[in-house]
Amino acid sequence: MLPSDYRGGDSSSPVPESLEEKAWSQLKDQVPRLWVVDDDSVTRCFVGGVLKACGYQVETWEDSQMAWEQLQALDESQWPDVVICD
């Protein structure tokens, strides 16, 4: 629940936007980037497919060394938001 959803009192009174609300409003249009790292191709494809179907931007990697090398080559602004590995 965002702070704007729970204001209490008179809902018609103006409430200044909090820093949290500003942050959420900037993030809502961004699609999170997820990396799935797993040496088992069935698991990697299944998990990656489910996450893609949920609307996430997904990249899959066969092993951690490959993912680590790619991560080091990227600018920090291009890093994934979440890495899922076993």
Foldseek 3Di string as FASTA:
>chain_A
DDCLVDDDDDNPDDDDQDPRNVVCVVCPVDAAEEEEEALDPVVQCVVQVVVVVVPHHYDYHNHPVVVVVVQVVDDPVPDGPYYHYD
